[in-house]
Amino acid sequence: MSVPKIKKMEVFPVAGYDSMLLNLSGAHGPFFTRNIVVLTADNGAVGVGEVPGGQKITDTLEHSKMLVEGSSIGEYKATLQKIRNKFSYLDKGGRGNQTFDLRIMVHALTGVETALLDLLGKYLHVPVAALLGDGQQREHVGLLGYLFWVGDTSKTDLPYLQNDDDTSEWGRLRRKPVTDVESLVRLARASYDKYGFKTFKLKGGVFDGEKEVAAIKGLHEAFPDVKLDLDPNGGWYLKDALHYADELKQDLHYIEDPCGAEDGFSGREILAEFQQLTHMPVATNMVDTDWRQMSHALALNSISIPLADPHFWTMEGAVRVAQLCDEFNLNWGIHSNNHFDISLAMIANTAAAAPGNVYDVDTHWIWQDGQYLTKNPYQIKNGQLTVPRNNEGLGVEIDMEAVKKAHQLYVDNNLGARDDAITMQYLIPGWKFDPKRPAMVR
């Protein structure tokens, strides 16, 4: 039997609805965007991938078609190498200073990689997790409940989705304002009841540090047996981060990027000082986002939990990070942004293949749950996803009608790459991003 070849590659920029989630970079707009890759093989099988939105990523994927179409799924690594070689110059500027990724090539590469692995897994009748690293390590993958402060959409004239899900308290609350500790705890309770999370993470960098310390303490009081993480996105100065860490040392499981570059020192150097002075576990998705940065972070002992997002490490790269962590006695997790259910399958398979100590991984899915692009999305139960060993490929079936509808939403609203500063103007006129000032502190 001949090995299938790629007959057609399609790229769909798509959009979904979002809540007004607050972070150091501002406020999420009413829509989030993604790029969906659909590969059809000459045996009729379909492979899919999902990566961040943005016209530059869309264009790079479109320009990759000549390298992908006609190739055999058995030579997928050679195909990916061609894409890397042709478009690597697009990422020479690095990740950027914002709290979201500005790279292009690596996202396009991941979109194709994922779809090819999906096809290969289906051809071999194994899950994608079995094709990564040393193969599938586990069937159950722990996820954390990603909590956000949420802005008041009534202060805007933007088309935010409201009242879209009354099947649970979580569905009723996730579009409503959350700007105080009481409402945050109520939101956490709703997500706990629906999904059974064993870990919560709060996206910080929004209000002053003392308020976010109070929020963690309020969550700890409400959920004494749940692990708690906090991510200020590097928005605190070192001296303040040390103070807040002392207040939170009995409450936090880990802290993510509490501080960053300042006074001529890099973020890796500052985090090394923080970790040395506090002995607190430090996670990051900001200072080790490629192998060169990783080598410096390890040499400086800056971090203890790399959060290797498969969308900007590639799926294979994220598992390689997990292998390194396993060998070097570090812990491993996954960073997340807003995504559809194809990305949920990517996260599940990546974490299922990661060796060693895997912390409950990030996902924004609870904010998008119900906006399906597949016919059989993964389900979060008891704070976990399950990747059965008899899965084939990613374990999901694309719903092309839903993809086309999401693409039309993208077109109708003239969408592109994410920019949280635009929406923030409704809350604070003239607002500008400052890496050392929480979003609502102006």
Protein backbone atom coordinates (compact mmCIF):
# COMPACT_ATOMS: atom_id res chain seq x y z
CA MET A 1 0.00 0.00 0.00
CA SER A 2 1.44 3.37 -1.01
CA VAL A 3 1.94 6.05 1.63
CA PRO A 4 -0.69 8.81 1.28
CA LYS A 5 0.29 12.12 -0.26
CA ILE A 6 -1.17 15.55 0.36
CA LYS A 7 -3.67 16.31 -2.35
CA LYS A 8 -4.92 19.67 -1.08
CA MET A 9 -4.02 22.20 1.62
CA GLU A 10 -6.63 24.73 2.73
CA VAL A 11 -6.20 27.66 5.12
CA PHE A 12 -9.14 29.27 6.91
CA PRO A 13 -8.71 32.40 9.03
CA VAL A 14 -11.54 32.09 11.55
CA ALA A 15 -13.04 33.96 14.47
CA GLY A 16 -14.95 33.12 17.61
CA TYR A 17 -16.53 35.11 20.43
CA ASP A 18 -14.63 36.13 23.55
CA SER A 19 -15.31 37.70 26.93
CA MET A 20 -13.72 41.03 27.88
CA LEU A 21 -10.78 39.35 29.62
CA LEU A 22 -8.30 41.74 31.23
CA ASN A 23 -4.54 41.35 31.26
CA LEU A 24 -1.35 43.44 31.31
CA SER A 25 -1.76 44.20 27.59
CA GLY A 26 -5.29 45.53 27.94
CA ALA A 27 -8.66 43.90 27.30
CA HIS A 28 -9.72 41.15 24.92
CA GLY A 29 -12.01 42.35 22.17
CA PRO A 30 -15.36 40.72 21.34
CA PHE A 31 -13.68 38.30 18.92
CA PHE A 32 -10.58 36.12 18.95
CA THR A 33 -8.96 34.88 15.75
CA ARG A 34 -7.24 31.68 14.69
CA ASN A 35 -5.90 30.05 11.53
CA ILE A 36 -7.16 26.57 10.67
CA VAL A 37 -5.14 24.28 8.41
CA VAL A 38 -6.95 21.45 6.62
CA LEU A 39 -4.92 18.86 4.69
CA THR A 40 -6.68 16.33 2.46
CA ALA A 41 -4.69 13.26 1.47
CA ASP A 42 -5.13 11.26 -1.71
CA ASN A 43 -6.68 8.43 0.32
CA GLY A 44 -9.48 10.77 1.40
CA ALA A 45 -8.24 11.25 4.97
CA VAL A 46 -8.27 14.76 6.47
CA GLY A 47 -5.77 16.24 8.92
CA VAL A 48 -6.27 19.50 10.81
CA GLY A 49 -4.27 22.05 12.77
CA GLU A 50 -5.02 25.30 14.60
CA VAL A 51 -2.69 28.23 15.33
CA PRO A 52 -3.03 31.91 16.30
CA GLY A 53 -4.76 34.36 13.99
CA GLY A 54 -3.29 37.20 11.96
CA GLN A 55 -2.92 37.98 8.26
CA LYS A 56 0.85 37.43 8.24
CA ILE A 57 0.43 33.89 9.54
CA THR A 58 -2.39 33.30 7.04
CA ASP A 59 -0.19 34.53 4.18
CA THR A 60 2.74 32.37 5.26
CA LEU A 61 0.50 29.32 5.37
CA GLU A 62 -0.83 30.16 1.91
CA HIS A 63 2.73 30.48 0.60
CA SER A 64 3.58 27.09 2.16
CA LYS A 65 1.08 25.22 -0.01
CA MET A 66 3.64 24.62 -2.78
CA LEU A 67 5.88 22.89 -0.22
CA VAL A 68 3.12 20.74 1.25
CA GLU A 69 0.90 19.68 -1.63
CA GLY A 70 2.22 16.58 -3.34
CA SER A 71 4.39 15.57 -0.37
CA SER A 72 4.09 12.19 1.35
CA ILE A 73 2.98 12.09 4.97
CA GLY A 74 5.92 9.76 5.54
CA GLU A 75 8.33 12.59 4.72
CA TYR A 76 6.57 15.11 6.92
CA LYS A 77 9.76 16.13 8.72
CA ALA A 78 11.41 17.03 5.41
CA THR A 79 8.33 19.07 4.51
CA LEU A 80 8.49 20.95 7.81
CA GLN A 81 12.20 21.58 7.32
CA LYS A 82 11.47 23.19 3.95
CA ILE A 83 8.93 25.53 5.58
CA ARG A 84 11.38 26.39 8.36
CA ASN A 85 14.19 27.12 5.91
CA LYS A 86 12.03 29.22 3.58
CA PHE A 87 10.33 31.39 6.21
CA SER A 88 12.67 31.47 9.24
CA TYR A 89 13.61 35.07 8.46
CA LEU A 90 10.10 36.11 9.50
CA ASP A 91 10.89 35.33 13.16
CA LYS A 92 14.22 37.12 13.48
CA GLY A 93 12.56 39.90 15.48
CA GLY A 94 11.73 37.45 18.28
CA ARG A 95 8.63 37.17 20.37
CA GLY A 96 8.15 40.87 21.14
CA ASN A 97 7.51 42.72 24.39
CA GLN A 98 3.75 42.26 24.59
CA THR A 99 2.13 39.38 26.41
CA PHE A 100 1.23 37.64 23.15
CA ASP A 101 3.48 36.25 20.44
CA LEU A 102 4.59 38.33 17.45
CA ARG A 103 6.35 35.52 15.56
CA ILE A 104 5.03 34.19 12.25
CA MET A 105 6.97 31.25 10.84
CA VAL A 106 6.78 29.04 13.90
CA HIS A 107 3.00 29.33 14.02
CA ALA A 108 2.62 28.51 10.33
CA LEU A 109 5.02 25.61 10.82
CA THR A 110 2.98 24.28 13.75
CA GLY A 111 -0.27 24.48 11.81
CA VAL A 112 1.16 22.26 9.07
CA GLU A 113 2.98 19.99 11.54
CA THR A 114 -0.20 19.29 13.48
CA ALA A 115 -2.26 18.50 10.40
CA LEU A 116 0.46 16.17 9.08
CA LEU A 117 0.73 14.38 12.43
CA ASP A 118 -3.06 14.05 12.49
CA LEU A 119 -2.93 12.33 9.08
CA LEU A 120 0.00 10.13 10.06
CA GLY A 121 -1.73 9.04 13.26
CA LYS A 122 -4.87 8.13 11.31
CA TYR A 123 -2.81 6.19 8.76
CA LEU A 124 -1.00 4.23 11.50
CA HIS A 125 -4.13 3.96 13.70
CA VAL A 126 -2.44 5.58 16.71
CA PRO A 127 -2.95 8.88 18.58
CA VAL A 128 -0.68 11.81 17.78
CA ALA A 129 0.65 11.43 21.33
CA ALA A 130 2.16 8.10 20.28
CA LEU A 131 4.17 9.86 17.54
CA LEU A 132 5.76 12.49 19.81
CA GLY A 133 8.91 12.10 21.89
CA ASP A 134 9.12 8.59 23.33
CA GLY A 135 5.43 7.96 22.75
CA GLN A 136 2.30 8.33 24.84
CA GLN A 137 3.05 8.54 28.57
CA ARG A 138 -0.46 8.89 30.00
CA GLU A 139 -4.13 8.85 29.06
CA HIS A 140 -5.31 11.49 31.53
CA VAL A 141 -4.06 15.08 31.31
CA GLY A 142 -4.74 17.56 34.10
CA LEU A 143 -5.94 21.06 33.18
CA LEU A 144 -6.15 24.18 35.30
CA GLY A 145 -9.05 26.59 35.50
CA TYR A 146 -7.82 29.84 33.95
CA LEU A 147 -9.45 32.74 35.78
CA PHE A 148 -9.51 36.34 34.57
CA TRP A 149 -10.68 39.68 35.75
CA VAL A 150 -13.45 40.59 33.27
CA GLY A 151 -14.29 44.10 32.08
CA ASP A 152 -17.72 45.66 31.87
CA THR A 153 -18.79 45.34 28.23
CA SER A 154 -21.66 47.82 28.78
CA LYS A 155 -19.01 50.55 28.74
CA THR A 156 -18.36 49.76 25.08
CA ASP A 157 -20.38 49.73 21.87
CA LEU A 158 -18.67 46.54 20.74
CA PRO A 159 -20.60 43.35 19.81
CA TYR A 160 -19.63 41.19 22.79
CA LEU A 161 -21.56 37.97 23.10
CA GLN A 162 -23.95 37.87 26.06
CA ASN A 163 -26.32 35.29 27.54
CA ASP A 164 -25.15 32.57 25.15
CA ASP A 165 -25.21 29.72 27.67
CA ASP A 166 -27.70 29.28 30.50
CA THR A 167 -27.02 25.56 31.02
CA SER A 168 -24.73 26.19 34.00
CA GLU A 169 -23.70 28.91 36.41
CA TRP A 170 -20.38 29.10 34.60
CA GLY A 171 -22.16 29.79 31.32
CA ARG A 172 -24.24 32.52 32.95
CA LEU A 173 -21.23 34.25 34.59
CA ARG A 174 -18.39 34.05 32.08
CA ARG A 175 -19.49 37.12 30.08
CA LYS A 176 -20.27 39.30 33.15
CA PRO A 177 -17.94 41.82 34.86
CA VAL A 178 -15.48 40.45 37.43
CA THR A 179 -13.61 43.28 39.13
CA ASP A 180 -13.65 42.37 42.83
CA VAL A 181 -12.59 39.39 44.89
CA GLU A 182 -16.12 38.29 45.71
CA SER A 183 -17.16 38.03 42.06
CA LEU A 184 -13.87 36.30 41.20
CA VAL A 185 -14.48 33.63 43.84
CA ARG A 186 -18.05 33.19 42.57
CA LEU A 187 -16.69 32.71 39.02
CA ALA A 188 -14.16 30.18 40.28
CA ARG A 189 -16.89 28.27 42.10
CA ALA A 190 -18.92 28.07 38.90
CA SER A 191 -15.99 26.71 36.88
CA TYR A 192 -15.12 24.27 39.66
CA ASP A 193 -18.66 22.93 39.71
CA LYS A 194 -18.75 22.48 35.93
CA TYR A 195 -15.24 21.19 35.21
CA GLY A 196 -13.86 19.88 38.51
CA PHE A 197 -10.53 21.70 38.38
CA LYS A 198 -7.82 20.81 40.90
CA THR A 199 -5.78 23.94 40.05
CA PHE A 200 -6.70 27.55 39.34
CA LYS A 201 -4.54 30.20 37.71
CA LEU A 202 -5.35 33.89 37.94
CA LYS A 203 -4.21 36.19 35.15
CA GLY A 204 -2.73 39.09 37.09
CA GLY A 205 -1.14 42.32 35.94
CA VAL A 206 -4.54 44.02 35.92
CA PHE A 207 -5.01 45.67 39.33
CA ASP A 208 -2.41 46.75 41.87
CA GLY A 209 -0.46 43.96 43.50
CA GLU A 210 -2.19 44.14 46.87
CA LYS A 211 -5.59 43.57 45.27
CA GLU A 212 -4.30 40.55 43.40
CA VAL A 213 -2.69 39.21 46.57
CA ALA A 214 -6.10 39.58 48.22
CA ALA A 215 -7.68 37.72 45.32
CA ILE A 216 -5.34 34.75 45.74
CA LYS A 217 -6.01 34.71 49.47
CA GLY A 218 -9.75 34.82 48.81
CA LEU A 219 -9.46 31.88 46.41
CA HIS A 220 -7.33 29.96 48.92
CA GLU A 221 -9.94 30.47 51.63
CA ALA A 222 -12.73 29.34 49.30
CA PHE A 223 -10.77 26.37 47.88
CA PRO A 224 -8.26 25.24 50.52
CA ASP A 225 -7.50 21.97 48.68
CA VAL A 226 -7.03 23.48 45.22
CA LYS A 227 -3.61 24.53 43.93
CA LEU A 228 -3.30 28.21 43.00
CA ASP A 229 -1.05 29.89 40.43
CA LEU A 230 -0.68 33.59 39.62
CA ASP A 231 0.62 35.21 36.42
CA PRO A 232 1.32 38.99 36.50
CA ASN A 233 3.07 38.74 33.07
CA GLY A 234 6.24 40.37 34.38
CA GLY A 235 4.31 43.48 35.36
CA TRP A 236 5.84 43.89 38.85
CA TYR A 237 9.20 45.40 39.71
CA LEU A 238 11.51 43.00 41.52
CA LYS A 239 11.22 44.80 44.87
CA ASP A 240 7.43 44.62 44.71
CA ALA A 241 7.45 41.01 43.53
CA LEU A 242 9.58 40.06 46.54
CA HIS A 243 7.10 41.76 48.86
CA TYR A 244 4.07 40.07 47.29
CA ALA A 245 5.84 36.71 47.25
CA ASP A 246 6.37 36.96 51.00
CA GLU A 247 2.65 37.61 51.45
CA LEU A 248 1.71 34.69 49.20
CA LYS A 249 4.26 32.05 50.18
CA GLN A 250 1.60 29.98 51.99
CA ASP A 251 -0.96 30.26 49.21
CA LEU A 252 0.71 29.71 45.83
CA HIS A 253 1.64 26.50 44.04
CA TYR A 254 3.78 28.53 41.63
CA ILE A 255 4.10 32.07 40.34
CA GLU A 256 4.48 32.80 36.65
CA ASP A 257 6.62 35.70 35.40
CA PRO A 258 6.23 37.82 38.56
CA CYS A 259 8.80 40.31 37.25
CA GLY A 260 10.80 40.96 34.12
CA ALA A 261 13.52 43.09 32.59
CA GLU A 262 14.42 46.25 34.50
CA ASP A 263 17.36 48.59 35.15
CA GLY A 264 19.40 47.14 32.29
CA PHE A 265 18.99 43.53 33.44
CA SER A 266 17.18 40.93 31.34
CA GLY A 267 14.03 39.17 32.47
CA ARG A 268 16.04 35.99 32.92
CA GLU A 269 18.50 37.75 35.25
CA ILE A 270 15.73 39.36 37.29
CA LEU A 271 13.81 36.08 37.62
CA ALA A 272 17.00 34.34 38.74
CA GLU A 273 17.32 36.89 41.56
CA PHE A 274 13.65 36.44 42.45
CA GLN A 275 13.91 32.66 42.59
CA GLN A 276 17.15 32.79 44.60
CA LEU A 277 15.69 35.20 47.15
CA THR A 278 12.25 33.60 47.52
CA HIS A 279 12.80 29.88 46.78
CA MET A 280 9.37 30.08 45.16
CA PRO A 281 8.71 27.91 42.07
CA VAL A 282 8.78 30.18 39.01
CA ALA A 283 7.02 29.38 35.73
CA THR A 284 7.40 31.33 32.50
CA ASN A 285 6.14 31.68 28.97
CA MET A 286 8.00 34.96 28.44
CA VAL A 287 11.74 34.43 28.93
CA ASP A 288 12.36 30.98 27.42
CA THR A 289 10.26 30.88 24.27
CA ASP A 290 12.98 29.34 22.06
CA TRP A 291 16.04 27.14 22.57
CA ARG A 292 18.55 29.99 22.78
CA GLN A 293 16.50 31.68 25.51
CA MET A 294 16.04 28.32 27.23
CA SER A 295 19.80 27.74 27.44
CA HIS A 296 20.33 31.10 29.14
CA ALA A 297 17.37 30.60 31.49
CA LEU A 298 18.76 27.24 32.62
CA ALA A 299 22.30 28.55 32.99
CA LEU A 300 21.04 31.38 35.22
CA ASN A 301 18.62 29.15 37.17
CA SER A 302 15.87 31.63 36.28
CA ILE A 303 12.94 29.25 36.19
CA SER A 304 11.71 25.90 37.40
CA ILE A 305 8.59 25.41 35.23
CA PRO A 306 8.88 26.10 31.48
CA LEU A 307 5.40 26.49 29.99
CA ALA A 308 5.98 25.09 26.52
CA ASP A 309 3.02 26.08 24.37
CA PRO A 310 2.87 23.69 21.36
CA HIS A 311 1.60 26.60 19.26
CA PHE A 312 4.96 28.36 19.46
CA TRP A 313 7.29 25.49 20.23
CA THR A 314 5.57 23.13 17.75
CA MET A 315 4.08 19.95 19.17
CA GLU A 316 7.35 18.05 18.79
CA GLY A 317 9.32 20.97 20.27
CA ALA A 318 7.07 21.22 23.32
CA VAL A 319 7.63 17.53 24.06
CA ARG A 320 11.38 18.01 23.62
CA VAL A 321 11.17 20.69 26.33
CA ALA A 322 9.36 18.16 28.54
CA GLN A 323 12.12 15.61 27.92
CA LEU A 324 14.71 18.20 28.95
CA CYS A 325 12.71 19.00 32.09
CA ASP A 326 12.52 15.31 32.93
CA GLU A 327 16.29 14.92 32.61
CA PHE A 328 17.12 18.13 34.50
CA ASN A 329 14.60 17.66 37.35
CA LEU A 330 12.41 20.57 36.28
CA ASN A 331 8.63 20.65 35.99
CA TRP A 332 6.72 21.22 32.76
CA GLY A 333 3.46 22.82 31.74
CA ILE A 334 1.71 24.43 28.78
CA HIS A 335 0.87 28.08 28.13
CA SER A 336 -2.39 29.00 26.42
CA ASN A 337 -4.30 31.67 24.55
CA ASN A 338 -7.90 31.76 23.34
CA HIS A 339 -8.54 28.81 21.06
CA PHE A 340 -11.02 26.43 19.49
CA ASP A 341 -11.36 22.70 20.12
CA ILE A 342 -8.69 21.67 17.58
CA SER A 343 -6.12 23.37 19.79
CA LEU A 344 -7.65 21.58 22.77
CA ALA A 345 -6.84 18.30 21.02
CA MET A 346 -3.30 19.56 20.34
CA ILE A 347 -2.81 20.42 24.02
CA ALA A 348 -4.18 17.05 25.10
CA ASN A 349 -1.90 15.03 22.83
CA THR A 350 1.19 17.09 23.63
CA ALA A 351 0.71 16.73 27.38
CA ALA A 352 -0.11 13.04 26.98
CA ALA A 353 3.33 12.54 25.38
CA ALA A 354 5.28 14.65 27.90
CA PRO A 355 7.44 12.59 30.27
CA GLY A 356 8.18 13.46 33.88
CA ASN A 357 6.32 15.77 36.22
CA VAL A 358 3.59 17.49 34.21
CA TYR A 359 1.75 20.30 35.98
CA ASP A 360 -1.91 20.93 35.18
CA VAL A 361 -1.72 22.67 31.82
CA ASP A 362 -3.19 26.00 30.78
CA THR A 363 -6.19 26.31 28.52
CA HIS A 364 -8.57 29.17 27.71
CA TRP A 365 -11.11 26.65 26.42
CA ILE A 366 -13.63 27.23 29.19
CA TRP A 367 -14.14 30.75 27.83
CA GLN A 368 -14.89 29.36 24.34
CA ASP A 369 -16.58 26.06 25.28
CA GLY A 370 -19.57 25.55 23.00
CA GLN A 371 -18.00 27.13 19.91
CA TYR A 372 -17.07 23.87 18.24
CA LEU A 373 -15.15 23.37 15.01
CA THR A 374 -15.13 19.59 15.46
CA LYS A 375 -17.92 17.07 15.70
CA ASN A 376 -16.47 15.35 18.76
CA PRO A 377 -14.56 17.86 20.91
CA TYR A 378 -12.60 16.72 23.93
CA GLN A 379 -14.48 17.19 27.22
CA ILE A 380 -13.04 18.42 30.52
CA LYS A 381 -14.18 16.13 33.32
CA ASN A 382 -12.81 16.12 36.87
CA GLY A 383 -10.24 18.67 35.76
CA GLN A 384 -8.86 16.34 33.09
CA LEU A 385 -8.84 15.51 29.41
CA THR A 386 -8.63 11.89 28.32
CA VAL A 387 -6.54 10.74 25.34
CA PRO A 388 -7.48 7.06 24.78
CA ARG A 389 -4.67 4.90 23.44
CA ASN A 390 -6.99 3.69 20.69
CA ASN A 391 -7.46 7.23 19.36
CA GLU A 392 -6.41 7.89 15.79
CA GLY A 393 -4.57 11.13 15.03
CA LEU A 394 -5.71 14.07 17.13
CA GLY A 395 -8.89 12.20 17.99
CA VAL A 396 -11.27 14.79 16.53
CA GLU A 397 -13.29 15.09 13.33
CA ILE A 398 -13.41 18.49 11.62
CA ASP A 399 -16.82 20.09 11.09
CA MET A 400 -16.32 21.98 7.82
CA GLU A 401 -19.65 23.77 8.05
CA ALA A 402 -18.63 25.19 11.43
CA VAL A 403 -15.21 26.18 10.04
CA LYS A 404 -16.81 28.02 7.13
CA LYS A 405 -19.21 29.80 9.50
CA ALA A 406 -16.30 30.88 11.72
CA HIS A 407 -14.43 32.05 8.62
CA GLN A 408 -17.43 34.16 7.60
CA LEU A 409 -17.48 35.74 11.07
CA TYR A 410 -13.82 36.66 10.52
CA VAL A 411 -14.55 38.19 7.10
CA ASP A 412 -17.73 40.02 8.13
CA ASN A 413 -15.94 41.78 11.00
CA ASN A 414 -12.74 42.55 9.06
CA LEU A 415 -10.59 40.89 11.70
CA GLY A 416 -6.88 40.20 11.95
CA ALA A 417 -4.22 39.87 14.63
CA ARG A 418 -4.99 40.49 18.29
CA ASP A 419 -4.57 43.97 19.81
CA ASP A 420 -5.79 44.29 23.40
CA ALA A 421 -4.87 47.98 23.57
CA ILE A 422 -7.72 48.97 21.25
CA THR A 423 -10.51 47.70 23.51
CA MET A 424 -8.84 49.12 26.60
CA GLN A 425 -9.52 52.64 25.30
CA TYR A 426 -13.16 52.20 26.27
CA LEU A 427 -12.21 51.69 29.90
CA ILE A 428 -9.36 54.20 30.11
CA PRO A 429 -9.24 56.75 27.26
CA GLY A 430 -5.73 57.21 25.89
CA TRP A 431 -4.54 53.96 27.51
CA LYS A 432 -1.12 52.73 26.38
CA PHE A 433 0.67 49.49 27.16
CA ASP A 434 3.35 49.72 29.84
CA PRO A 435 5.19 46.48 30.75
CA LYS A 436 5.61 47.69 34.34
CA ARG A 437 2.14 49.05 35.03
CA PRO A 438 -0.90 46.82 35.62
CA ALA A 439 -3.57 47.50 33.04
CA MET A 440 -6.04 49.26 35.36
CA VAL A 441 -3.38 51.26 37.21
CA ARG A 442 -3.20 54.57 35.35
